[in-house]
Amino acid sequence: QYVKRLQDFDYDMTIHSVGESLSPGNEQREYWHSSKADEIGSRNIMGIKDPVVDALIEMVIAAPSREELVHRTRALDRVLLWGYYVVPQWHINSWRVAYYDKFGKPDIISPQGLGVSDTWWMKAE
């Protein structure tokens, strides 16, 4: 029932996580674009319909350089913050991971993730 109501936008407020990458791109359309506001099951759960947001998303996607991407993404962030679409709950700038010292893992792990799912193994005893 919860999933159905979420997909149908049948709520006043809900809890949702928006995962972002270090290089925002076309996934921003799915989260914030007007074309997704009424699409059943989309990730635009706030129902945002704002031509300024739409234009900024397209600018982010078309950014010609990393520097421009950062500037355009910050502009999009400011506009989204100004709209009060999200109530931040919490943030922690580290990963909490419990582990048992019988597992091995690579010496180098990607800075974008934990590298947990496919890159751990049992150490030989």
PDB file of N, CA and C in Angstrom:
ATOM      1  N   GLN A   1       0.824  -1.182   0.000  1.00  0.00           N
ATOM      2  CA  GLN A   1       0.000   0.000   0.000  1.00  0.00           C
ATOM      3  C   GLN A   1       0.879   1.261   0.000  1.00  0.00           C
ATOM      4  N   TYR A   2       1.941   1.270   0.787  1.00  0.00           N
ATOM      5  CA  TYR A   2       2.823   2.439   0.836  1.00  0.00           C
ATOM      6  C   TYR A   2       3.431   2.721  -0.540  1.00  0.00           C
ATOM      7  N   VAL A   3       3.946   1.679  -1.185  1.00  0.00           N
ATOM      8  CA  VAL A   3       4.587   1.852  -2.491  1.00  0.00           C
ATOM      9  C   VAL A   3       3.580   2.369  -3.509  1.00  0.00           C
ATOM     10  N   LYS A   4       2.387   1.821  -3.511  1.00  0.00           N
ATOM     11  CA  LYS A   4       1.338   2.257  -4.442  1.00  0.00           C
ATOM     12  C   LYS A   4       1.014   3.734  -4.225  1.00  0.00           C
ATOM     13  N   ARG A   5       0.862   4.134  -2.964  1.00  0.00           N
ATOM     14  CA  ARG A   5       0.558   5.542  -2.671  1.00  0.00           C
ATOM     15  C   ARG A   5       1.721   6.444  -3.079  1.00  0.00           C
ATOM     16  N   LEU A   6       2.944   5.974  -2.881  1.00  0.00           N
ATOM     17  CA  LEU A   6       4.114   6.752  -3.283  1.00  0.00           C
ATOM     18  C   LEU A   6       4.146   6.910  -4.802  1.00  0.00           C
ATOM     19  N   GLN A   7       3.922   5.821  -5.529  1.00  0.00           N
ATOM     20  CA  GLN A   7       3.926   5.868  -6.991  1.00  0.00           C
ATOM     21  C   GLN A   7       2.812   6.752  -7.545  1.00  0.00           C
ATOM     22  N   ASP A   8       1.687   6.804  -6.838  1.00  0.00           N
ATOM     23  CA  ASP A   8       0.537   7.602  -7.278  1.00  0.00           C
ATOM     24  C   ASP A   8       0.553   9.031  -6.747  1.00  0.00           C
ATOM     25  N   PHE A   9       1.610   9.405  -6.026  1.00  0.00           N
ATOM     26  CA  PHE A   9       1.720  10.733  -5.405  1.00  0.00           C
ATOM     27  C   PHE A   9       0.562  10.994  -4.441  1.00  0.00           C
ATOM     28  N   ASP A  10       0.140   9.968  -3.735  1.00  0.00           N
ATOM     29  CA  ASP A  10      -0.998  10.065  -2.815  1.00  0.00           C
ATOM     30  C   ASP A  10      -0.485  10.250  -1.384  1.00  0.00           C
ATOM     31  N   TYR A  11       0.037  11.440  -1.095  1.00  0.00           N
ATOM     32  CA  TYR A  11       0.579  11.735   0.235  1.00  0.00           C
ATOM     33  C   TYR A  11       0.713  13.250   0.377  1.00  0.00           C
ATOM     34  N   ASP A  12       0.801  13.697   1.606  1.00  0.00           N
ATOM     35  CA  ASP A  12       1.088  15.105   1.887  1.00  0.00           C
ATOM     36  C   ASP A  12       2.583  15.317   2.097  1.00  0.00           C
ATOM     37  N   MET A  13       3.213  14.325   2.719  1.00  0.00           N
ATOM     38  CA  MET A  13       4.648  14.383   2.993  1.00  0.00           C
ATOM     39  C   MET A  13       5.150  12.953   3.065  1.00  0.00           C
ATOM     40  N   THR A  14       6.391  12.740   2.665  1.00  0.00           N
ATOM     41  CA  THR A  14       6.963  11.405   2.735  1.00  0.00           C
ATOM     42  C   THR A  14       8.470  11.504   2.952  1.00  0.00           C
ATOM     43  N   ILE A  15       9.081  10.382   3.259  1.00  0.00           N
ATOM     44  CA  ILE A  15      10.528  10.306   3.418  1.00  0.00           C
ATOM     45  C   ILE A  15      11.101   9.693   2.148  1.00  0.00           C
ATOM     46  N   HIS A  16      12.164  10.293   1.639  1.00  0.00           N
ATOM     47  CA  HIS A  16      12.746   9.824   0.383  1.00  0.00           C
ATOM     48  C   HIS A  16      14.227  10.179   0.357  1.00  0.00           C
ATOM     49  N   SER A  17      15.036   9.327  -0.201  1.00  0.00           N
ATOM     50  CA  SER A  17      16.461   9.605  -0.365  1.00  0.00           C
ATOM     51  C   SER A  17      16.758   9.857  -1.832  1.00  0.00           C
ATOM     52  N   VAL A  18      17.565  10.850  -2.085  1.00  0.00           N
ATOM     53  CA  VAL A  18      17.976  11.161  -3.446  1.00  0.00           C
ATOM     54  C   VAL A  18      19.487  10.970  -3.513  1.00  0.00           C
ATOM     55  N   GLY A  19      19.897   9.902  -4.164  1.00  0.00           N
ATOM     56  CA  GLY A  19      21.321   9.642  -4.314  1.00  0.00           C
ATOM     57  C   GLY A  19      21.891  10.471  -5.447  1.00  0.00           C
ATOM     58  N   GLU A  20      23.012  11.097  -5.217  1.00  0.00           N
ATOM     59  CA  GLU A  20      23.635  11.933  -6.239  1.00  0.00           C
ATOM     60  C   GLU A  20      25.058  11.452  -6.503  1.00  0.00           C
ATOM     61  N   SER A  21      25.530  11.743  -7.692  1.00  0.00           N
ATOM     62  CA  SER A  21      26.902  11.392  -8.051  1.00  0.00           C
ATOM     63  C   SER A  21      27.791  12.629  -7.937  1.00  0.00           C
ATOM     64  N   LEU A  22      29.075  12.445  -8.141  1.00  0.00           N
ATOM     65  CA  LEU A  22      29.993  13.578  -8.151  1.00  0.00           C
ATOM     66  C   LEU A  22      29.924  14.350  -9.468  1.00  0.00           C
ATOM     67  N   SER A  23      29.234  13.785 -10.459  1.00  0.00           N
ATOM     68  CA  SER A  23      29.055  14.442 -11.754  1.00  0.00           C
ATOM     69  C   SER A  23      27.583  14.396 -12.142  1.00  0.00           C
ATOM     70  N   PRO A  24      26.773  15.304 -11.605  1.00  0.00           N
ATOM     71  CA  PRO A  24      25.341  15.301 -11.925  1.00  0.00           C
ATOM     72  C   PRO A  24      25.108  15.439 -13.425  1.00  0.00           C
ATOM     73  N   GLY A  25      24.062  14.768 -13.907  1.00  0.00           N
ATOM     74  CA  GLY A  25      23.765  14.804 -15.333  1.00  0.00           C
ATOM     75  C   GLY A  25      22.290  14.602 -15.592  1.00  0.00           C
ATOM     76  N   ASN A  26      21.989  13.762 -16.593  1.00  0.00           N
ATOM     77  CA  ASN A  26      20.604  13.616 -17.034  1.00  0.00           C
ATOM     78  C   ASN A  26      19.681  12.973 -16.002  1.00  0.00           C
ATOM     79  N   GLU A  27      20.222  12.359 -14.939  1.00  0.00           N
ATOM     80  CA  GLU A  27      19.358  11.818 -13.881  1.00  0.00           C
ATOM     81  C   GLU A  27      18.611  12.936 -13.158  1.00  0.00           C
ATOM     82  N   GLN A  28      19.104  14.166 -13.288  1.00  0.00           N
ATOM     83  CA  GLN A  28      18.422  15.298 -12.646  1.00  0.00           C
ATOM     84  C   GLN A  28      17.022  15.500 -13.223  1.00  0.00           C
ATOM     85  N   ARG A  29      16.829  15.141 -14.485  1.00  0.00           N
ATOM     86  CA  ARG A  29      15.480  15.223 -15.077  1.00  0.00           C
ATOM     87  C   ARG A  29      14.496  14.353 -14.300  1.00  0.00           C
ATOM     88  N   GLU A  30      14.938  13.168 -13.932  1.00  0.00           N
ATOM     89  CA  GLU A  30      14.063  12.230 -13.220  1.00  0.00           C
ATOM     90  C   GLU A  30      13.682  12.768 -11.841  1.00  0.00           C
ATOM     91  N   TYR A  31      14.594  13.476 -11.191  1.00  0.00           N
ATOM     92  CA  TYR A  31      14.333  13.969  -9.834  1.00  0.00           C
ATOM     93  C   TYR A  31      13.526  15.264  -9.789  1.00  0.00           C
ATOM     94  N   TRP A  32      13.782  16.192 -10.726  1.00  0.00           N
ATOM     95  CA  TRP A  32      13.257  17.548 -10.550  1.00  0.00           C
ATOM     96  C   TRP A  32      12.481  18.111 -11.738  1.00  0.00           C
ATOM     97  N   HIS A  33      12.534  17.503 -12.905  1.00  0.00           N
ATOM     98  CA  HIS A  33      11.979  18.096 -14.129  1.00  0.00           C
ATOM     99  C   HIS A  33      10.454  18.066 -14.145  1.00  0.00           C
ATOM    100  N   SER A  34       9.863  19.130 -14.701  1.00  0.00           N
ATOM    101  CA  SER A  34       8.402  19.247 -14.797  1.00  0.00           C
ATOM    102  C   SER A  34       7.769  18.072 -15.528  1.00  0.00           C
ATOM    103  N   SER A  35       8.454  17.545 -16.534  1.00  0.00           N
ATOM    104  CA  SER A  35       7.894  16.441 -17.319  1.00  0.00           C
ATOM    105  C   SER A  35       7.688  15.184 -16.484  1.00  0.00           C
ATOM    106  N   LYS A  36       8.348  15.092 -15.351  1.00  0.00           N
ATOM    107  CA  LYS A  36       8.225  13.915 -14.481  1.00  0.00           C
ATOM    108  C   LYS A  36       7.255  14.137 -13.323  1.00  0.00           C
ATOM    109  N   ALA A  37       6.764  15.349 -13.159  1.00  0.00           N
ATOM    110  CA  ALA A  37       5.951  15.690 -11.986  1.00  0.00           C
ATOM    111  C   ALA A  37       4.674  14.863 -11.876  1.00  0.00           C
ATOM    112  N   ASP A  38       4.059  14.532 -12.997  1.00  0.00           N
ATOM    113  CA  ASP A  38       2.806  13.772 -12.972  1.00  0.00           C
ATOM    114  C   ASP A  38       2.965  12.352 -13.489  1.00  0.00           C
ATOM    115  N   GLU A  39       4.188  11.927 -13.745  1.00  0.00           N
ATOM    116  CA  GLU A  39       4.445  10.586 -14.270  1.00  0.00           C
ATOM    117  C   GLU A  39       4.428   9.577 -13.127  1.00  0.00           C
ATOM    118  N   ILE A  40       3.489   8.645 -13.189  1.00  0.00           N
ATOM    119  CA  ILE A  40       3.351   7.629 -12.146  1.00  0.00           C
ATOM    120  C   ILE A  40       4.680   6.906 -11.948  1.00  0.00           C
ATOM    121  N   GLY A  41       5.120   6.838 -10.709  1.00  0.00           N
ATOM    122  CA  GLY A  41       6.343   6.129 -10.375  1.00  0.00           C
ATOM    123  C   GLY A  41       7.631   6.903 -10.588  1.00  0.00           C
ATOM    124  N   SER A  42       7.536   8.170 -11.009  1.00  0.00           N
ATOM    125  CA  SER A  42       8.772   8.933 -11.214  1.00  0.00           C
ATOM    126  C   SER A  42       9.397   9.300  -9.875  1.00  0.00           C
ATOM    127  N   ARG A  43      10.610   9.803  -9.940  1.00  0.00           N
ATOM    128  CA  ARG A  43      11.316  10.193  -8.714  1.00  0.00           C
ATOM    129  C   ARG A  43      11.098  11.664  -8.362  1.00  0.00           C
ATOM    130  N   ASN A  44      10.320  12.369  -9.165  1.00  0.00           N
ATOM    131  CA  ASN A  44       9.975  13.755  -8.834  1.00  0.00           C
ATOM    132  C   ASN A  44       8.811  13.702  -7.848  1.00  0.00           C
ATOM    133  N   ILE A  45       9.083  13.213  -6.656  1.00  0.00           N
ATOM    134  CA  ILE A  45       8.015  12.965  -5.683  1.00  0.00           C
ATOM    135  C   ILE A  45       7.447  14.249  -5.102  1.00  0.00           C
ATOM    136  N   MET A  46       8.150  15.370  -5.284  1.00  0.00           N
ATOM    137  CA  MET A  46       7.646  16.645  -4.802  1.00  0.00           C
ATOM    138  C   MET A  46       6.673  17.263  -5.794  1.00  0.00           C
ATOM    139  N   GLY A  47       6.655  16.734  -7.011  1.00  0.00           N
ATOM    140  CA  GLY A  47       5.778  17.280  -8.038  1.00  0.00           C
ATOM    141  C   GLY A  47       6.238  18.638  -8.540  1.00  0.00           C
ATOM    142  N   ILE A  48       7.541  18.857  -8.587  1.00  0.00           N
ATOM    143  CA  ILE A  48       8.088  20.152  -8.995  1.00  0.00           C
ATOM    144  C   ILE A  48       7.768  20.415 -10.462  1.00  0.00           C
ATOM    145  N   LYS A  49       7.171  21.575 -10.709  1.00  0.00           N
ATOM    146  CA  LYS A  49       6.906  22.048 -12.068  1.00  0.00           C
ATOM    147  C   LYS A  49       7.387  23.493 -12.120  1.00  0.00           C
ATOM    148  N   ASP A  50       8.626  23.676 -12.498  1.00  0.00           N
ATOM    149  CA  ASP A  50       9.228  25.005 -12.483  1.00  0.00           C
ATOM    150  C   ASP A  50      10.101  25.159 -13.723  1.00  0.00           C
ATOM    151  N   PRO A  51       9.754  26.092 -14.615  1.00  0.00           N
ATOM    152  CA  PRO A  51      10.548  26.258 -15.834  1.00  0.00           C
ATOM    153  C   PRO A  51      11.998  26.668 -15.559  1.00  0.00           C
ATOM    154  N   VAL A  52      12.246  27.347 -14.454  1.00  0.00           N
ATOM    155  CA  VAL A  52      13.615  27.720 -14.099  1.00  0.00           C
ATOM    156  C   VAL A  52      14.415  26.466 -13.750  1.00  0.00           C
ATOM    157  N   VAL A  53      13.812  25.574 -12.967  1.00  0.00           N
ATOM    158  CA  VAL A  53      14.466  24.308 -12.624  1.00  0.00           C
ATOM    159  C   VAL A  53      14.726  23.505 -13.893  1.00  0.00           C
ATOM    160  N   ASP A  54      13.731  23.430 -14.775  1.00  0.00           N
ATOM    161  CA  ASP A  54      13.893  22.688 -16.030  1.00  0.00           C
ATOM    162  C   ASP A  54      15.069  23.234 -16.842  1.00  0.00           C
ATOM    163  N   ALA A  55      15.158  24.562 -16.959  1.00  0.00           N
ATOM    164  CA  ALA A  55      16.239  25.183 -17.730  1.00  0.00           C
ATOM    165  C   ALA A  55      17.598  24.913 -17.087  1.00  0.00           C
ATOM    166  N   LEU A  56      17.666  24.991 -15.763  1.00  0.00           N
ATOM    167  CA  LEU A  56      18.931  24.730 -15.076  1.00  0.00           C
ATOM    168  C   LEU A  56      19.367  23.279 -15.232  1.00  0.00           C
ATOM    169  N   ILE A  57      18.413  22.359 -15.218  1.00  0.00           N
ATOM    170  CA  ILE A  57      18.751  20.947 -15.434  1.00  0.00           C
ATOM    171  C   ILE A  57      19.405  20.771 -16.801  1.00  0.00           C
ATOM    172  N   GLU A  58      18.808  21.369 -17.820  1.00  0.00           N
ATOM    173  CA  GLU A  58      19.370  21.248 -19.169  1.00  0.00           C
ATOM    174  C   GLU A  58      20.751  21.895 -19.244  1.00  0.00           C
ATOM    175  N   MET A  59      20.949  22.983 -18.504  1.00  0.00           N
ATOM    176  CA  MET A  59      22.266  23.629 -18.467  1.00  0.00           C
ATOM    177  C   MET A  59      23.295  22.737 -17.775  1.00  0.00           C
ATOM    178  N   VAL A  60      22.882  22.064 -16.711  1.00  0.00           N
ATOM    179  CA  VAL A  60      23.783  21.128 -16.021  1.00  0.00           C
ATOM    180  C   VAL A  60      24.203  20.018 -16.978  1.00  0.00           C
ATOM    181  N   ILE A  61      23.229  19.445 -17.669  1.00  0.00           N
ATOM    182  CA  ILE A  61      23.508  18.337 -18.588  1.00  0.00           C
ATOM    183  C   ILE A  61      24.455  18.772 -19.710  1.00  0.00           C
ATOM    184  N   ALA A  62      24.302  20.009 -20.182  1.00  0.00           N
ATOM    185  CA  ALA A  62      25.099  20.499 -21.313  1.00  0.00           C
ATOM    186  C   ALA A  62      26.376  21.225 -20.890  1.00  0.00           C
ATOM    187  N   ALA A  63      26.735  21.168 -19.632  1.00  0.00           N
ATOM    188  CA  ALA A  63      27.925  21.886 -19.152  1.00  0.00           C
ATOM    189  C   ALA A  63      29.161  21.472 -19.954  1.00  0.00           C
ATOM    190  N   PRO A  64      29.888  22.448 -20.510  1.00  0.00           N
ATOM    191  CA  PRO A  64      31.041  22.122 -21.355  1.00  0.00           C
ATOM    192  C   PRO A  64      32.324  21.793 -20.587  1.00  0.00           C
ATOM    193  N   SER A  65      32.338  22.054 -19.288  1.00  0.00           N
ATOM    194  CA  SER A  65      33.552  21.801 -18.507  1.00  0.00           C
ATOM    195  C   SER A  65      33.169  21.447 -17.073  1.00  0.00           C
ATOM    196  N   ARG A  66      34.121  20.908 -16.355  1.00  0.00           N
ATOM    197  CA  ARG A  66      33.892  20.574 -14.945  1.00  0.00           C
ATOM    198  C   ARG A  66      33.570  21.841 -14.146  1.00  0.00           C
ATOM    199  N   GLU A  67      34.294  22.916 -14.422  1.00  0.00           N
ATOM    200  CA  GLU A  67      34.058  24.180 -13.714  1.00  0.00           C
ATOM    201  C   GLU A  67      32.628  24.674 -13.948  1.00  0.00           C
ATOM    202  N   GLU A  68      32.176  24.629 -15.198  1.00  0.00           N
ATOM    203  CA  GLU A  68      30.802  25.045 -15.509  1.00  0.00           C
ATOM    204  C   GLU A  68      29.787  24.112 -14.863  1.00  0.00           C
ATOM    205  N   LEU A  69      30.084  22.816 -14.849  1.00  0.00           N
ATOM    206  CA  LEU A  69      29.187  21.852 -14.206  1.00  0.00           C
ATOM    207  C   LEU A  69      28.994  22.213 -12.736  1.00  0.00           C
ATOM    208  N   VAL A  70      30.075  22.533 -12.057  1.00  0.00           N
ATOM    209  CA  VAL A  70      29.987  22.902 -10.638  1.00  0.00           C
ATOM    210  C   VAL A  70      29.150  24.167 -10.471  1.00  0.00           C
ATOM    211  N   HIS A  71      29.401  25.198 -11.278  1.00  0.00           N
ATOM    212  CA  HIS A  71      28.643  26.450 -11.171  1.00  0.00           C
ATOM    213  C   HIS A  71      27.154  26.227 -11.440  1.00  0.00           C
ATOM    214  N   ARG A  72      26.854  25.481 -12.490  1.00  0.00           N
ATOM    215  CA  ARG A  72      25.456  25.256 -12.866  1.00  0.00           C
ATOM    216  C   ARG A  72      24.740  24.376 -11.847  1.00  0.00           C
ATOM    217  N   THR A  73      25.438  23.397 -11.312  1.00  0.00           N
ATOM    218  CA  THR A  73      24.836  22.534 -10.292  1.00  0.00           C
ATOM    219  C   THR A  73      24.553  23.328  -9.025  1.00  0.00           C
ATOM    220  N   ARG A  74      25.453  24.217  -8.659  1.00  0.00           N
ATOM    221  CA  ARG A  74      25.211  25.068  -7.483  1.00  0.00           C
ATOM    222  C   ARG A  74      24.010  25.979  -7.702  1.00  0.00           C
ATOM    223  N   ALA A  75      23.855  26.491  -8.917  1.00  0.00           N
ATOM    224  CA  ALA A  75      22.686  27.324  -9.222  1.00  0.00           C
ATOM    225  C   ALA A  75      21.402  26.508  -9.093  1.00  0.00           C
ATOM    226  N   LEU A  76      21.404  25.295  -9.630  1.00  0.00           N
ATOM    227  CA  LEU A  76      20.237  24.417  -9.490  1.00  0.00           C
ATOM    228  C   LEU A  76      19.951  24.146  -8.020  1.00  0.00           C
ATOM    229  N   ASP A  77      20.985  23.885  -7.259  1.00  0.00           N
ATOM    230  CA  ASP A  77      20.827  23.626  -5.830  1.00  0.00           C
ATOM    231  C   ASP A  77      20.186  24.817  -5.124  1.00  0.00           C
ATOM    232  N   ARG A  78      20.636  26.025  -5.439  1.00  0.00           N
ATOM    233  CA  ARG A  78      20.070  27.225  -4.806  1.00  0.00           C
ATOM    234  C   ARG A  78      18.590  27.376  -5.111  1.00  0.00           C
ATOM    235  N   VAL A  79      18.218  27.147  -6.364  1.00  0.00           N
ATOM    236  CA  VAL A  79      16.807  27.277  -6.748  1.00  0.00           C
ATOM    237  C   VAL A  79      15.965  26.215  -6.047  1.00  0.00           C
ATOM    238  N   LEU A  80      16.465  24.987  -5.985  1.00  0.00           N
ATOM    239  CA  LEU A  80      15.725  23.923  -5.295  1.00  0.00           C
ATOM    240  C   LEU A  80      15.604  24.227  -3.802  1.00  0.00           C
ATOM    241  N   LEU A  81      16.664  24.729  -3.190  1.00  0.00           N
ATOM    242  CA  LEU A  81      16.600  25.099  -1.771  1.00  0.00           C
ATOM    243  C   LEU A  81      15.598  26.222  -1.546  1.00  0.00           C
ATOM    244  N   TRP A  82      15.574  27.193  -2.440  1.00  0.00           N
ATOM    245  CA  TRP A  82      14.662  28.321  -2.328  1.00  0.00           C
ATOM    246  C   TRP A  82      13.198  27.867  -2.382  1.00  0.00           C
ATOM    247  N   GLY A  83      12.928  26.773  -3.102  1.00  0.00           N
ATOM    248  CA  GLY A  83      11.562  26.267  -3.221  1.00  0.00           C
ATOM    249  C   GLY A  83      11.077  25.485  -2.015  1.00  0.00           C
ATOM    250  N   TYR A  84      11.952  25.196  -1.072  1.00  0.00           N
ATOM    251  CA  TYR A  84      11.593  24.440   0.135  1.00  0.00           C
ATOM    252  C   TYR A  84      10.892  23.119  -0.201  1.00  0.00           C
ATOM    253  N   TYR A  85      11.415  22.393  -1.175  1.00  0.00           N
ATOM    254  CA  TYR A  85      10.829  21.113  -1.559  1.00  0.00           C
ATOM    255  C   TYR A  85      11.252  19.990  -0.628  1.00  0.00           C
ATOM    256  N   VAL A  86      12.355  20.176   0.064  1.00  0.00           N
ATOM    257  CA  VAL A  86      12.943  19.118   0.875  1.00  0.00           C
ATOM    258  C   VAL A  86      13.196  19.636   2.286  1.00  0.00           C
ATOM    259  N   VAL A  87      12.913  18.789   3.267  1.00  0.00           N
ATOM    260  CA  VAL A  87      13.279  19.064   4.651  1.00  0.00           C
ATOM    261  C   VAL A  87      14.418  18.103   4.982  1.00  0.00           C
ATOM    262  N   PRO A  88      15.644  18.595   5.015  1.00  0.00           N
ATOM    263  CA  PRO A  88      16.762  17.687   5.304  1.00  0.00           C
ATOM    264  C   PRO A  88      16.594  17.039   6.674  1.00  0.00           C
ATOM    265  N   GLN A  89      16.877  15.749   6.749  1.00  0.00           N
ATOM    266  CA  GLN A  89      16.736  15.037   8.014  1.00  0.00           C
ATOM    267  C   GLN A  89      18.060  14.950   8.743  1.00  0.00           C
ATOM    268  N   TRP A  90      19.081  14.516   8.062  1.00  0.00           N
ATOM    269  CA  TRP A  90      20.379  14.337   8.694  1.00  0.00           C
ATOM    270  C   TRP A  90      21.428  14.153   7.618  1.00  0.00           C
ATOM    271  N   HIS A  91      22.665  14.272   8.025  1.00  0.00           N
ATOM    272  CA  HIS A  91      23.779  14.012   7.116  1.00  0.00           C
ATOM    273  C   HIS A  91      24.978  13.571   7.948  1.00  0.00           C
ATOM    274  N   ILE A  92      25.681  12.633   7.453  1.00  0.00           N
ATOM    275  CA  ILE A  92      26.948  12.225   8.055  1.00  0.00           C
ATOM    276  C   ILE A  92      27.934  12.078   6.904  1.00  0.00           C
ATOM    277  N   ASN A  93      29.101  12.684   7.046  1.00  0.00           N
ATOM    278  CA  ASN A  93      30.043  12.677   5.924  1.00  0.00           C
ATOM    279  C   ASN A  93      31.011  11.501   5.982  1.00  0.00           C
ATOM    280  N   SER A  94      30.547  10.413   6.551  1.00  0.00           N
ATOM    281  CA  SER A  94      31.348   9.196   6.579  1.00  0.00           C
ATOM    282  C   SER A  94      30.412   7.999   6.451  1.00  0.00           C
ATOM    283  N   TRP A  95      30.989   6.855   6.165  1.00  0.00           N
ATOM    284  CA  TRP A  95      30.210   5.622   6.060  1.00  0.00           C
ATOM    285  C   TRP A  95      30.320   4.860   7.374  1.00  0.00           C
ATOM    286  N   ARG A  96      29.210   4.331   7.840  1.00  0.00           N
ATOM    287  CA  ARG A  96      29.231   3.473   9.020  1.00  0.00           C
ATOM    288  C   ARG A  96      29.178   2.029   8.536  1.00  0.00           C
ATOM    289  N   VAL A  97      30.226   1.312   8.801  1.00  0.00           N
ATOM    290  CA  VAL A  97      30.321  -0.060   8.320  1.00  0.00           C
ATOM    291  C   VAL A  97      30.796  -0.950   9.458  1.00  0.00           C
ATOM    292  N   ALA A  98      30.062  -2.015   9.702  1.00  0.00           N
ATOM    293  CA  ALA A  98      30.510  -3.017  10.667  1.00  0.00           C
ATOM    294  C   ALA A  98      31.196  -4.132   9.881  1.00  0.00           C
ATOM    295  N   TYR A  99      32.291  -4.629  10.397  1.00  0.00           N
ATOM    296  CA  TYR A  99      32.974  -5.700   9.687  1.00  0.00           C
ATOM    297  C   TYR A  99      33.661  -6.633  10.670  1.00  0.00           C
ATOM    298  N   TYR A 100      33.944  -7.808  10.168  1.00  0.00           N
ATOM    299  CA  TYR A 100      34.636  -8.833  10.937  1.00  0.00           C
ATOM    300  C   TYR A 100      35.970  -9.055  10.243  1.00  0.00           C
ATOM    301  N   ASP A 101      37.065  -9.132  10.966  1.00  0.00           N
ATOM    302  CA  ASP A 101      38.395  -9.126  10.378  1.00  0.00           C
ATOM    303  C   ASP A 101      38.799 -10.440   9.703  1.00  0.00           C
ATOM    304  N   LYS A 102      37.858 -11.197   9.210  1.00  0.00           N
ATOM    305  CA  LYS A 102      38.227 -12.391   8.460  1.00  0.00           C
ATOM    306  C   LYS A 102      38.027 -12.174   6.959  1.00  0.00           C
ATOM    307  N   PHE A 103      37.699 -10.935   6.589  1.00  0.00           N
ATOM    308  CA  PHE A 103      37.470 -10.613   5.193  1.00  0.00           C
ATOM    309  C   PHE A 103      38.643  -9.824   4.636  1.00  0.00           C
ATOM    310  N   GLY A 104      38.938 -10.042   3.352  1.00  0.00           N
ATOM    311  CA  GLY A 104      39.948  -9.265   2.655  1.00  0.00           C
ATOM    312  C   GLY A 104      39.266  -8.323   1.686  1.00  0.00           C
ATOM    313  N   LYS A 105      39.962  -7.270   1.313  1.00  0.00           N
ATOM    314  CA  LYS A 105      39.427  -6.316   0.344  1.00  0.00           C
ATOM    315  C   LYS A 105      40.580  -5.669  -0.403  1.00  0.00           C
ATOM    316  N   PRO A 106      40.317  -5.057  -1.551  1.00  0.00           N
ATOM    317  CA  PRO A 106      41.385  -4.417  -2.318  1.00  0.00           C
ATOM    318  C   PRO A 106      42.031  -3.280  -1.523  1.00  0.00           C
ATOM    319  N   ASP A 107      43.282  -2.986  -1.825  1.00  0.00           N
ATOM    320  CA  ASP A 107      43.970  -1.872  -1.177  1.00  0.00           C
ATOM    321  C   ASP A 107      43.429  -0.524  -1.638  1.00  0.00           C
ATOM    322  N   ILE A 108      42.964  -0.462  -2.883  1.00  0.00           N
ATOM    323  CA  ILE A 108      42.435   0.787  -3.427  1.00  0.00           C
ATOM    324  C   ILE A 108      40.942   0.613  -3.671  1.00  0.00           C
ATOM    325  N   ILE A 109      40.140   1.513  -3.104  1.00  0.00           N
ATOM    326  CA  ILE A 109      38.684   1.474  -3.260  1.00  0.00           C
ATOM    327  C   ILE A 109      38.240   2.789  -3.888  1.00  0.00           C
ATOM    328  N   SER A 110      37.257   2.740  -4.775  1.00  0.00           N
ATOM    329  CA  SER A 110      36.728   3.923  -5.441  1.00  0.00           C
ATOM    330  C   SER A 110      36.258   4.953  -4.418  1.00  0.00           C
ATOM    331  N   PRO A 111      36.561   6.231  -4.626  1.00  0.00           N
ATOM    332  CA  PRO A 111      36.096   7.262  -3.692  1.00  0.00           C
ATOM    333  C   PRO A 111      34.589   7.493  -3.772  1.00  0.00           C
ATOM    334  N   GLN A 112      33.914   6.960  -4.806  1.00  0.00           N
ATOM    335  CA  GLN A 112      32.477   7.156  -4.940  1.00  0.00           C
ATOM    336  C   GLN A 112      31.647   6.139  -4.172  1.00  0.00           C
ATOM    337  N   GLY A 113      32.229   5.142  -3.566  1.00  0.00           N
ATOM    338  CA  GLY A 113      31.420   4.148  -2.872  1.00  0.00           C
ATOM    339  C   GLY A 113      32.235   3.332  -1.905  1.00  0.00           C
ATOM    340  N   LEU A 114      31.566   2.371  -1.316  1.00  0.00           N
ATOM    341  CA  LEU A 114      32.204   1.518  -0.326  1.00  0.00           C
ATOM    342  C   LEU A 114      33.026   0.401  -0.945  1.00  0.00           C
ATOM    343  N   GLY A 115      32.655  -0.036  -2.133  1.00  0.00           N
ATOM    344  CA  GLY A 115      33.334  -1.169  -2.735  1.00  0.00           C
ATOM    345  C   GLY A 115      33.056  -2.456  -1.988  1.00  0.00           C
ATOM    346  N   VAL A 116      31.904  -2.550  -1.364  1.00  0.00           N
ATOM    347  CA  VAL A 116      31.599  -3.688  -0.501  1.00  0.00           C
ATOM    348  C   VAL A 116      31.007  -4.856  -1.268  1.00  0.00           C
ATOM    349  N   SER A 117      30.046  -4.608  -2.132  1.00  0.00           N
ATOM    350  CA  SER A 117      29.214  -5.684  -2.657  1.00  0.00           C
ATOM    351  C   SER A 117      29.974  -6.776  -3.407  1.00  0.00           C
ATOM    352  N   ASP A 118      30.921  -6.418  -4.264  1.00  0.00           N
ATOM    353  CA  ASP A 118      31.587  -7.426  -5.092  1.00  0.00           C
ATOM    354  C   ASP A 118      33.082  -7.563  -4.821  1.00  0.00           C
ATOM    355  N   THR A 119      33.608  -6.823  -3.887  1.00  0.00           N
ATOM    356  CA  THR A 119      35.058  -6.774  -3.769  1.00  0.00           C
ATOM    357  C   THR A 119      35.603  -7.230  -2.419  1.00  0.00           C
ATOM    358  N   TRP A 120      34.848  -7.975  -1.681  1.00  0.00           N
ATOM    359  CA  TRP A 120      35.346  -8.540  -0.425  1.00  0.00           C
ATOM    360  C   TRP A 120      35.452 -10.049  -0.590  1.00  0.00           C
ATOM    361  N   TRP A 121      36.348 -10.663   0.157  1.00  0.00           N
ATOM    362  CA  TRP A 121      36.494 -12.110   0.114  1.00  0.00           C
ATOM    363  C   TRP A 121      36.927 -12.609   1.483  1.00  0.00           C
ATOM    364  N   MET A 122      36.761 -13.900   1.690  1.00  0.00           N
ATOM    365  CA  MET A 122      37.204 -14.529   2.945  1.00  0.00           C
ATOM    366  C   MET A 122      38.712 -14.738   2.869  1.00  0.00           C
ATOM    367  N   LYS A 123      39.427 -14.318   3.906  1.00  0.00           N
ATOM    368  CA  LYS A 123      40.870 -14.543   3.969  1.00  0.00           C
ATOM    369  C   LYS A 123      41.146 -16.028   4.193  1.00  0.00           C
ATOM    370  N   ALA A 124      42.222 -16.499   3.610  1.00  0.00           N
ATOM    371  CA  ALA A 124      42.627 -17.885   3.847  1.00  0.00           C
ATOM    372  C   ALA A 124      43.078 -18.018   5.296  1.00  0.00           C
ATOM    373  N   GLU A 125      42.706 -19.107   5.926  1.00  0.00           N
ATOM    374  CA  GLU A 125      43.067 -19.278   7.344  1.00  0.00           C
ATOM    375  C   GLU A 125      44.380 -19.980   7.506  1.00  0.00           C
TER     376      GLU A 125
END
